[in-house]
Amino acid sequence: METIIWPVYIDSSKSRNDGRKISKNDAVTNPKLTEISRAARKLGLNPKTEDDKYYPRFWWDSSGRIIIEREEISKNKLLVNISQSIKSLRKK
C-alpha cells in the first residue's frame, strides 16, 4: 500500500487543524523532505520524493511530499517512527 507523507504531518509547529497527524511530543520542528527521506531509508523503507507537490491546505507553499510503500504498520506509527528517526539524525 502506498502512503503519502507531507512534512506538515510531523511538524510540531503546526496545529492538528493545519494537518499535523501525531502529537507535538512525537513531532519535530520544520521537517525537510531530505530529512524525512533519510529517516525513511534508515528505517529500511524505499521513499520516493516529489518536491514539486503542494499540500492542499497550503497550496501556495511547495513543501513536496514523500511516497512510501508500507505493510503491516499503521500510518500513525509510521509517522512516529520517521519523526523519532529524524530526532536521532539531528542529534548527530
PDB file of N, CA and C in Angstrom:
ATOM      1  N   MET A   1       0.839  -1.175   0.000  1.00  0.00           N
ATOM      2  CA  MET A   1       0.000   0.000   0.000  1.00  0.00           C
ATOM      3  C   MET A   1       0.891   1.247   0.000  1.00  0.00           C
ATOM      4  N   GLU A   2       0.596   2.173  -0.876  1.00  0.00           N
ATOM      5  CA  GLU A   2       1.349   3.432  -0.907  1.00  0.00           C
ATOM      6  C   GLU A   2       0.809   4.408   0.125  1.00  0.00           C
ATOM      7  N   THR A   3       1.726   5.070   0.808  1.00  0.00           N
ATOM      8  CA  THR A   3       1.369   6.064   1.808  1.00  0.00           C
ATOM      9  C   THR A   3       2.047   7.373   1.457  1.00  0.00           C
ATOM     10  N   ILE A   4       1.283   8.448   1.454  1.00  0.00           N
ATOM     11  CA  ILE A   4       1.829   9.777   1.193  1.00  0.00           C
ATOM     12  C   ILE A   4       2.118  10.451   2.520  1.00  0.00           C
ATOM     13  N   ILE A   5       3.319  11.008   2.630  1.00  0.00           N
ATOM     14  CA  ILE A   5       3.702  11.736   3.833  1.00  0.00           C
ATOM     15  C   ILE A   5       4.050  13.167   3.437  1.00  0.00           C
ATOM     16  N   TRP A   6       3.267  14.088   3.940  1.00  0.00           N
ATOM     17  CA  TRP A   6       3.545  15.507   3.771  1.00  0.00           C
ATOM     18  C   TRP A   6       4.332  15.967   5.001  1.00  0.00           C
ATOM     19  N   PRO A   7       5.284  16.868   4.861  1.00  0.00           N
ATOM     20  CA  PRO A   7       6.049  17.345   6.022  1.00  0.00           C
ATOM     21  C   PRO A   7       5.171  17.884   7.153  1.00  0.00           C
ATOM     22  N   VAL A   8       4.042  18.475   6.820  1.00  0.00           N
ATOM     23  CA  VAL A   8       3.150  19.041   7.846  1.00  0.00           C
ATOM     24  C   VAL A   8       2.636  17.961   8.804  1.00  0.00           C
ATOM     25  N   TYR A   9       2.589  16.700   8.364  1.00  0.00           N
ATOM     26  CA  TYR A   9       2.091  15.612   9.204  1.00  0.00           C
ATOM     27  C   TYR A   9       2.914  15.439  10.479  1.00  0.00           C
ATOM     28  N   ILE A  10       4.213  15.759  10.419  1.00  0.00           N
ATOM     29  CA  ILE A  10       5.090  15.543  11.579  1.00  0.00           C
ATOM     30  C   ILE A  10       5.726  16.844  12.065  1.00  0.00           C
ATOM     31  N   ASP A  11       5.165  17.981  11.693  1.00  0.00           N
ATOM     32  CA  ASP A  11       5.715  19.292  12.051  1.00  0.00           C
ATOM     33  C   ASP A  11       5.112  19.786  13.365  1.00  0.00           C
ATOM     34  N   SER A  12       5.942  19.891  14.400  1.00  0.00           N
ATOM     35  CA  SER A  12       5.440  20.291  15.721  1.00  0.00           C
ATOM     36  C   SER A  12       4.997  21.749  15.775  1.00  0.00           C
ATOM     37  N   SER A  13       5.397  22.551  14.795  1.00  0.00           N
ATOM     38  CA  SER A  13       4.981  23.954  14.792  1.00  0.00           C
ATOM     39  C   SER A  13       3.597  24.149  14.164  1.00  0.00           C
ATOM     40  N   LYS A  14       3.018  23.079  13.638  1.00  0.00           N
ATOM     41  CA  LYS A  14       1.677  23.134  13.043  1.00  0.00           C
ATOM     42  C   LYS A  14       0.654  22.556  14.014  1.00  0.00           C
ATOM     43  N   SER A  15      -0.575  23.014  13.886  1.00  0.00           N
ATOM     44  CA  SER A  15      -1.656  22.505  14.733  1.00  0.00           C
ATOM     45  C   SER A  15      -2.300  21.290  14.063  1.00  0.00           C
ATOM     46  N   ARG A  16      -3.132  20.616  14.800  1.00  0.00           N
ATOM     47  CA  ARG A  16      -3.885  19.494  14.227  1.00  0.00           C
ATOM     48  C   ARG A  16      -4.776  19.996  13.084  1.00  0.00           C
ATOM     49  N   ASN A  17      -5.348  21.187  13.244  1.00  0.00           N
ATOM     50  CA  ASN A  17      -6.187  21.761  12.187  1.00  0.00           C
ATOM     51  C   ASN A  17      -5.385  22.070  10.931  1.00  0.00           C
ATOM     52  N   ASP A  18      -4.108  22.376  11.096  1.00  0.00           N
ATOM     53  CA  ASP A  18      -3.252  22.644   9.935  1.00  0.00           C
ATOM     54  C   ASP A  18      -2.812  21.370   9.239  1.00  0.00           C
ATOM     55  N   GLY A  19      -2.966  20.219   9.901  1.00  0.00           N
ATOM     56  CA  GLY A  19      -2.639  18.951   9.256  1.00  0.00           C
ATOM     57  C   GLY A  19      -1.689  18.053  10.010  1.00  0.00           C
ATOM     58  N   ARG A  20      -1.206  18.470  11.172  1.00  0.00           N
ATOM     59  CA  ARG A  20      -0.310  17.596  11.944  1.00  0.00           C
ATOM     60  C   ARG A  20      -1.082  16.360  12.357  1.00  0.00           C
ATOM     61  N   LYS A  21      -0.469  15.180  12.194  1.00  0.00           N
ATOM     62  CA  LYS A  21      -1.156  13.910  12.464  1.00  0.00           C
ATOM     63  C   LYS A  21      -0.710  13.249  13.761  1.00  0.00           C
ATOM     64  N   ILE A  22       0.441  13.634  14.296  1.00  0.00           N
ATOM     65  CA  ILE A  22       0.949  12.999  15.512  1.00  0.00           C
ATOM     66  C   ILE A  22       1.069  14.032  16.624  1.00  0.00           C
ATOM     67  N   SER A  23       1.282  13.579  17.847  1.00  0.00           N
ATOM     68  CA  SER A  23       1.356  14.505  18.977  1.00  0.00           C
ATOM     69  C   SER A  23       2.567  15.428  18.857  1.00  0.00           C
ATOM     70  N   LYS A  24       2.487  16.579  19.510  1.00  0.00           N
ATOM     71  CA  LYS A  24       3.603  17.522  19.476  1.00  0.00           C
ATOM     72  C   LYS A  24       4.858  16.916  20.073  1.00  0.00           C
ATOM     73  N   ASN A  25       4.712  16.074  21.100  1.00  0.00           N
ATOM     74  CA  ASN A  25       5.878  15.428  21.714  1.00  0.00           C
ATOM     75  C   ASN A  25       6.597  14.502  20.742  1.00  0.00           C
ATOM     76  N   ASP A  26       5.850  13.851  19.864  1.00  0.00           N
ATOM     77  CA  ASP A  26       6.449  12.944  18.880  1.00  0.00           C
ATOM     78  C   ASP A  26       6.943  13.680  17.637  1.00  0.00           C
ATOM     79  N   ALA A  27       6.388  14.848  17.361  1.00  0.00           N
ATOM     80  CA  ALA A  27       6.709  15.585  16.137  1.00  0.00           C
ATOM     81  C   ALA A  27       8.051  16.316  16.240  1.00  0.00           C
ATOM     82  N   VAL A  28       8.536  16.799  15.092  1.00  0.00           N
ATOM     83  CA  VAL A  28       9.778  17.573  15.022  1.00  0.00           C
ATOM     84  C   VAL A  28       9.476  18.951  14.445  1.00  0.00           C
ATOM     85  N   THR A  29      10.366  19.891  14.688  1.00  0.00           N
ATOM     86  CA  THR A  29      10.175  21.249  14.195  1.00  0.00           C
ATOM     87  C   THR A  29      10.656  21.358  12.752  1.00  0.00           C
ATOM     88  N   ASN A  30       9.815  21.881  11.895  1.00  0.00           N
ATOM     89  CA  ASN A  30      10.134  22.154  10.493  1.00  0.00           C
ATOM     90  C   ASN A  30      10.897  21.036   9.790  1.00  0.00           C
ATOM     91  N   PRO A  31      10.291  19.856   9.650  1.00  0.00           N
ATOM     92  CA  PRO A  31      10.986  18.765   8.949  1.00  0.00           C
ATOM     93  C   PRO A  31      11.129  19.066   7.461  1.00  0.00           C
ATOM     94  N   LYS A  32      12.262  18.732   6.918  1.00  0.00           N
ATOM     95  CA  LYS A  32      12.533  18.925   5.490  1.00  0.00           C
ATOM     96  C   LYS A  32      12.327  17.598   4.757  1.00  0.00           C
ATOM     97  N   LEU A  33      12.066  17.676   3.460  1.00  0.00           N
ATOM     98  CA  LEU A  33      11.879  16.467   2.662  1.00  0.00           C
ATOM     99  C   LEU A  33      13.103  15.565   2.732  1.00  0.00           C
ATOM    100  N   THR A  34      14.287  16.170   2.684  1.00  0.00           N
ATOM    101  CA  THR A  34      15.512  15.369   2.722  1.00  0.00           C
ATOM    102  C   THR A  34      15.632  14.615   4.047  1.00  0.00           C
ATOM    103  N   GLU A  35      15.230  15.253   5.142  1.00  0.00           N
ATOM    104  CA  GLU A  35      15.270  14.584   6.446  1.00  0.00           C
ATOM    105  C   GLU A  35      14.287  13.422   6.501  1.00  0.00           C
ATOM    106  N   ILE A  36      13.098  13.642   5.996  1.00  0.00           N
ATOM    107  CA  ILE A  36      12.081  12.586   6.000  1.00  0.00           C
ATOM    108  C   ILE A  36      12.544  11.416   5.145  1.00  0.00           C
ATOM    109  N   SER A  37      13.098  11.718   3.992  1.00  0.00           N
ATOM    110  CA  SER A  37      13.588  10.684   3.091  1.00  0.00           C
ATOM    111  C   SER A  37      14.736   9.901   3.716  1.00  0.00           C
ATOM    112  N   ARG A  38      15.684  10.594   4.346  1.00  0.00           N
ATOM    113  CA  ARG A  38      16.808   9.936   5.004  1.00  0.00           C
ATOM    114  C   ARG A  38      16.335   9.057   6.157  1.00  0.00           C
ATOM    115  N   ALA A  39      15.390   9.576   6.941  1.00  0.00           N
ATOM    116  CA  ALA A  39      14.846   8.815   8.062  1.00  0.00           C
ATOM    117  C   ALA A  39      14.122   7.555   7.570  1.00  0.00           C
ATOM    118  N   ALA A  40      13.380   7.684   6.484  1.00  0.00           N
ATOM    119  CA  ALA A  40      12.660   6.535   5.924  1.00  0.00           C
ATOM    120  C   ALA A  40      13.643   5.480   5.420  1.00  0.00           C
ATOM    121  N   ARG A  41      14.716   5.919   4.765  1.00  0.00           N
ATOM    122  CA  ARG A  41      15.736   4.974   4.311  1.00  0.00           C
ATOM    123  C   ARG A  41      16.404   4.275   5.495  1.00  0.00           C
ATOM    124  N   LYS A  42      16.646   5.032   6.566  1.00  0.00           N
ATOM    125  CA  LYS A  42      17.250   4.461   7.777  1.00  0.00           C
ATOM    126  C   LYS A  42      16.352   3.380   8.376  1.00  0.00           C
ATOM    127  N   LEU A  43      15.042   3.527   8.223  1.00  0.00           N
ATOM    128  CA  LEU A  43      14.081   2.544   8.724  1.00  0.00           C
ATOM    129  C   LEU A  43      13.871   1.377   7.759  1.00  0.00           C
ATOM    130  N   GLY A  44      14.606   1.370   6.653  1.00  0.00           N
ATOM    131  CA  GLY A  44      14.508   0.279   5.690  1.00  0.00           C
ATOM    132  C   GLY A  44      13.369   0.424   4.708  1.00  0.00           C
ATOM    133  N   LEU A  45      12.829   1.630   4.577  1.00  0.00           N
ATOM    134  CA  LEU A  45      11.745   1.882   3.627  1.00  0.00           C
ATOM    135  C   LEU A  45      12.334   2.412   2.329  1.00  0.00           C
ATOM    136  N   ASN A  46      11.551   2.416   1.280  1.00  0.00           N
ATOM    137  CA  ASN A  46      12.013   2.891  -0.016  1.00  0.00           C
ATOM    138  C   ASN A  46      11.221   4.140  -0.408  1.00  0.00           C
ATOM    139  N   PRO A  47      11.645   5.325   0.077  1.00  0.00           N
ATOM    140  CA  PRO A  47      10.859   6.540  -0.184  1.00  0.00           C
ATOM    141  C   PRO A  47      11.089   7.104  -1.589  1.00  0.00           C
ATOM    142  N   LYS A  48      10.023   7.660  -2.145  1.00  0.00           N
ATOM    143  CA  LYS A  48      10.102   8.408  -3.406  1.00  0.00           C
ATOM    144  C   LYS A  48       9.766   9.862  -3.081  1.00  0.00           C
ATOM    145  N   THR A  49      10.639  10.777  -3.465  1.00  0.00           N
ATOM    146  CA  THR A  49      10.438  12.189  -3.169  1.00  0.00           C
ATOM    147  C   THR A  49       9.812  12.894  -4.363  1.00  0.00           C
ATOM    148  N   GLU A  50       8.782  13.685  -4.084  1.00  0.00           N
ATOM    149  CA  GLU A  50       8.155  14.533  -5.104  1.00  0.00           C
ATOM    150  C   GLU A  50       8.189  15.960  -4.569  1.00  0.00           C
ATOM    151  N   ASP A  51       9.212  16.714  -4.947  1.00  0.00           N
ATOM    152  CA  ASP A  51       9.398  18.045  -4.364  1.00  0.00           C
ATOM    153  C   ASP A  51       8.601  19.148  -5.036  1.00  0.00           C
ATOM    154  N   ASP A  52       7.874  18.822  -6.081  1.00  0.00           N
ATOM    155  CA  ASP A  52       7.088  19.835  -6.787  1.00  0.00           C
ATOM    156  C   ASP A  52       5.599  19.803  -6.421  1.00  0.00           C
ATOM    157  N   LYS A  53       5.259  19.116  -5.340  1.00  0.00           N
ATOM    158  CA  LYS A  53       3.850  18.984  -4.924  1.00  0.00           C
ATOM    159  C   LYS A  53       3.511  19.983  -3.826  1.00  0.00           C
ATOM    160  N   TYR A  54       2.235  20.346  -3.767  1.00  0.00           N
ATOM    161  CA  TYR A  54       1.744  21.333  -2.807  1.00  0.00           C
ATOM    162  C   TYR A  54       0.716  20.688  -1.887  1.00  0.00           C
ATOM    163  N   TYR A  55       0.892  20.845  -0.573  1.00  0.00           N
ATOM    164  CA  TYR A  55      -0.098  20.356   0.374  1.00  0.00           C
ATOM    165  C   TYR A  55      -1.377  21.165   0.160  1.00  0.00           C
ATOM    166  N   PRO A  56      -2.527  20.518  -0.025  1.00  0.00           N
ATOM    167  CA  PRO A  56      -3.753  21.233  -0.392  1.00  0.00           C
ATOM    168  C   PRO A  56      -4.131  22.412   0.516  1.00  0.00           C
ATOM    169  N   ARG A  57      -3.948  22.269   1.805  1.00  0.00           N
ATOM    170  CA  ARG A  57      -4.321  23.356   2.708  1.00  0.00           C
ATOM    171  C   ARG A  57      -3.394  24.569   2.554  1.00  0.00           C
ATOM    172  N   PHE A  58      -2.133  24.317   2.179  1.00  0.00           N
ATOM    173  CA  PHE A  58      -1.159  25.402   1.967  1.00  0.00           C
ATOM    174  C   PHE A  58      -0.713  25.370   0.507  1.00  0.00           C
ATOM    175  N   TRP A  59      -1.649  25.583  -0.390  1.00  0.00           N
ATOM    176  CA  TRP A  59      -1.397  25.448  -1.824  1.00  0.00           C
ATOM    177  C   TRP A  59      -0.334  26.408  -2.354  1.00  0.00           C
ATOM    178  N   TRP A  60      -0.026  27.475  -1.643  1.00  0.00           N
ATOM    179  CA  TRP A  60       0.969  28.452  -2.096  1.00  0.00           C
ATOM    180  C   TRP A  60       2.395  28.044  -1.697  1.00  0.00           C
ATOM    181  N   ASP A  61       2.523  27.026  -0.845  1.00  0.00           N
ATOM    182  CA  ASP A  61       3.817  26.612  -0.317  1.00  0.00           C
ATOM    183  C   ASP A  61       4.206  25.249  -0.886  1.00  0.00           C
ATOM    184  N   SER A  62       5.218  25.226  -1.719  1.00  0.00           N
ATOM    185  CA  SER A  62       5.668  23.978  -2.333  1.00  0.00           C
ATOM    186  C   SER A  62       6.500  23.180  -1.340  1.00  0.00           C
ATOM    187  N   SER A  63       5.812  22.418  -0.498  1.00  0.00           N
ATOM    188  CA  SER A  63       6.516  21.666   0.540  1.00  0.00           C
ATOM    189  C   SER A  63       7.016  20.320   0.035  1.00  0.00           C
ATOM    190  N   GLY A  64       6.392  19.806  -1.011  1.00  0.00           N
ATOM    191  CA  GLY A  64       6.746  18.488  -1.511  1.00  0.00           C
ATOM    192  C   GLY A  64       6.121  17.401  -0.657  1.00  0.00           C
ATOM    193  N   ARG A  65       6.335  16.147  -1.079  1.00  0.00           N
ATOM    194  CA  ARG A  65       5.800  15.012  -0.332  1.00  0.00           C
ATOM    195  C   ARG A  65       6.674  13.789  -0.574  1.00  0.00           C
ATOM    196  N   ILE A  66       6.505  12.805   0.278  1.00  0.00           N
ATOM    197  CA  ILE A  66       7.222  11.544   0.179  1.00  0.00           C
ATOM    198  C   ILE A  66       6.190  10.438   0.016  1.00  0.00           C
ATOM    199  N   ILE A  67       6.459   9.500  -0.871  1.00  0.00           N
ATOM    200  CA  ILE A  67       5.590   8.343  -1.054  1.00  0.00           C
ATOM    201  C   ILE A  67       6.366   7.112  -0.586  1.00  0.00           C
ATOM    202  N   ILE A  68       5.729   6.340   0.292  1.00  0.00           N
ATOM    203  CA  ILE A  68       6.372   5.169   0.880  1.00  0.00           C
ATOM    204  C   ILE A  68       5.462   3.960   0.729  1.00  0.00           C
ATOM    205  N   GLU A  69       6.068   2.835   0.369  1.00  0.00           N
ATOM    206  CA  GLU A  69       5.348   1.563   0.369  1.00  0.00           C
ATOM    207  C   GLU A  69       5.403   1.022   1.792  1.00  0.00           C
ATOM    208  N   ARG A  70       4.259   0.747   2.385  1.00  0.00           N
ATOM    209  CA  ARG A  70       4.257   0.218   3.751  1.00  0.00           C
ATOM    210  C   ARG A  70       3.336  -0.993   3.848  1.00  0.00           C
ATOM    211  N   GLU A  71       3.687  -1.866   4.765  1.00  0.00           N
ATOM    212  CA  GLU A  71       2.859  -3.036   5.037  1.00  0.00           C
ATOM    213  C   GLU A  71       2.880  -3.294   6.536  1.00  0.00           C
ATOM    214  N   GLU A  72       1.781  -3.761   7.051  1.00  0.00           N
ATOM    215  CA  GLU A  72       1.685  -4.235   8.430  1.00  0.00           C
ATOM    216  C   GLU A  72       2.039  -3.198   9.497  1.00  0.00           C
ATOM    217  N   ILE A  73       1.893  -1.943   9.209  1.00  0.00           N
ATOM    218  CA  ILE A  73       2.121  -0.894  10.207  1.00  0.00           C
ATOM    219  C   ILE A  73       1.122   0.231   9.922  1.00  0.00           C
ATOM    220  N   SER A  74       0.580   0.798  10.977  1.00  0.00           N
ATOM    221  CA  SER A  74      -0.384   1.874  10.773  1.00  0.00           C
ATOM    222  C   SER A  74       0.339   3.134  10.307  1.00  0.00           C
ATOM    223  N   LYS A  75      -0.393   4.001   9.654  1.00  0.00           N
ATOM    224  CA  LYS A  75       0.194   5.245   9.167  1.00  0.00           C
ATOM    225  C   LYS A  75       0.692   6.093  10.341  1.00  0.00           C
ATOM    226  N   ASN A  76      -0.073   6.128  11.424  1.00  0.00           N
ATOM    227  CA  ASN A  76       0.322   6.919  12.579  1.00  0.00           C
ATOM    228  C   ASN A  76       1.639   6.405  13.174  1.00  0.00           C
ATOM    229  N   LYS A  77       1.767   5.099  13.310  1.00  0.00           N
ATOM    230  CA  LYS A  77       3.002   4.505  13.846  1.00  0.00           C
ATOM    231  C   LYS A  77       4.171   4.783  12.908  1.00  0.00           C
ATOM    232  N   LEU A  78       3.929   4.721  11.607  1.00  0.00           N
ATOM    233  CA  LEU A  78       4.964   5.028  10.627  1.00  0.00           C
ATOM    234  C   LEU A  78       5.444   6.474  10.796  1.00  0.00           C
ATOM    235  N   LEU A  79       4.511   7.415  10.965  1.00  0.00           N
ATOM    236  CA  LEU A  79       4.870   8.821  11.144  1.00  0.00           C
ATOM    237  C   LEU A  79       5.674   9.029  12.428  1.00  0.00           C
ATOM    238  N   VAL A  80       5.293   8.362  13.507  1.00  0.00           N
ATOM    239  CA  VAL A  80       6.032   8.471  14.767  1.00  0.00           C
ATOM    240  C   VAL A  80       7.441   7.908  14.600  1.00  0.00           C
ATOM    241  N   ASN A  81       7.565   6.772  13.923  1.00  0.00           N
ATOM    242  CA  ASN A  81       8.886   6.171  13.703  1.00  0.00           C
ATOM    243  C   ASN A  81       9.780   7.085  12.866  1.00  0.00           C
ATOM    244  N   ILE A  82       9.238   7.685  11.831  1.00  0.00           N
ATOM    245  CA  ILE A  82      10.017   8.602  10.997  1.00  0.00           C
ATOM    246  C   ILE A  82      10.430   9.817  11.804  1.00  0.00           C
ATOM    247  N   SER A  83       9.524  10.351  12.590  1.00  0.00           N
ATOM    248  CA  SER A  83       9.828  11.515  13.417  1.00  0.00           C
ATOM    249  C   SER A  83      10.933  11.198  14.431  1.00  0.00           C
ATOM    250  N   GLN A  84      10.856  10.049  15.068  1.00  0.00           N
ATOM    251  CA  GLN A  84      11.898   9.650  16.027  1.00  0.00           C
ATOM    252  C   GLN A  84      13.239   9.463  15.330  1.00  0.00           C
ATOM    253  N   SER A  85      13.202   8.937  14.123  1.00  0.00           N
ATOM    254  CA  SER A  85      14.433   8.760  13.352  1.00  0.00           C
ATOM    255  C   SER A  85      15.052  10.110  12.992  1.00  0.00           C
ATOM    256  N   ILE A  86      14.216  11.082  12.650  1.00  0.00           N
ATOM    257  CA  ILE A  86      14.716  12.433  12.354  1.00  0.00           C
ATOM    258  C   ILE A  86      15.355  13.038  13.597  1.00  0.00           C
ATOM    259  N   LYS A  87      14.724  12.837  14.747  1.00  0.00           N
ATOM    260  CA  LYS A  87      15.284  13.361  16.004  1.00  0.00           C
ATOM    261  C   LYS A  87      16.669  12.774  16.262  1.00  0.00           C
ATOM    262  N   SER A  88      16.826  11.478  16.025  1.00  0.00           N
ATOM    263  CA  SER A  88      18.135  10.861  16.257  1.00  0.00           C
ATOM    264  C   SER A  88      19.165  11.337  15.229  1.00  0.00           C
ATOM    265  N   LEU A  89      18.737  11.575  13.988  1.00  0.00           N
ATOM    266  CA  LEU A  89      19.649  12.084  12.974  1.00  0.00           C
ATOM    267  C   LEU A  89      20.087  13.518  13.300  1.00  0.00           C
ATOM    268  N   ARG A  90      19.206  14.307  13.876  1.00  0.00           N
ATOM    269  CA  ARG A  90      19.539  15.687  14.221  1.00  0.00           C
ATOM    270  C   ARG A  90      20.512  15.773  15.395  1.00  0.00           C
ATOM    271  N   LYS A  91      20.513  14.762  16.257  1.00  0.00           N
ATOM    272  CA  LYS A  91      21.413  14.764  17.403  1.00  0.00           C
ATOM    273  C   LYS A  91      22.862  14.517  17.008  1.00  0.00           C
ATOM    274  N   LYS A  92      23.063  13.889  15.865  1.00  0.00           N
ATOM    275  CA  LYS A  92      24.436  13.563  15.418  1.00  0.00           C
ATOM    276  C   LYS A  92      25.188  14.777  14.966  1.00  0.00           C
TER     277      LYS A  92
END
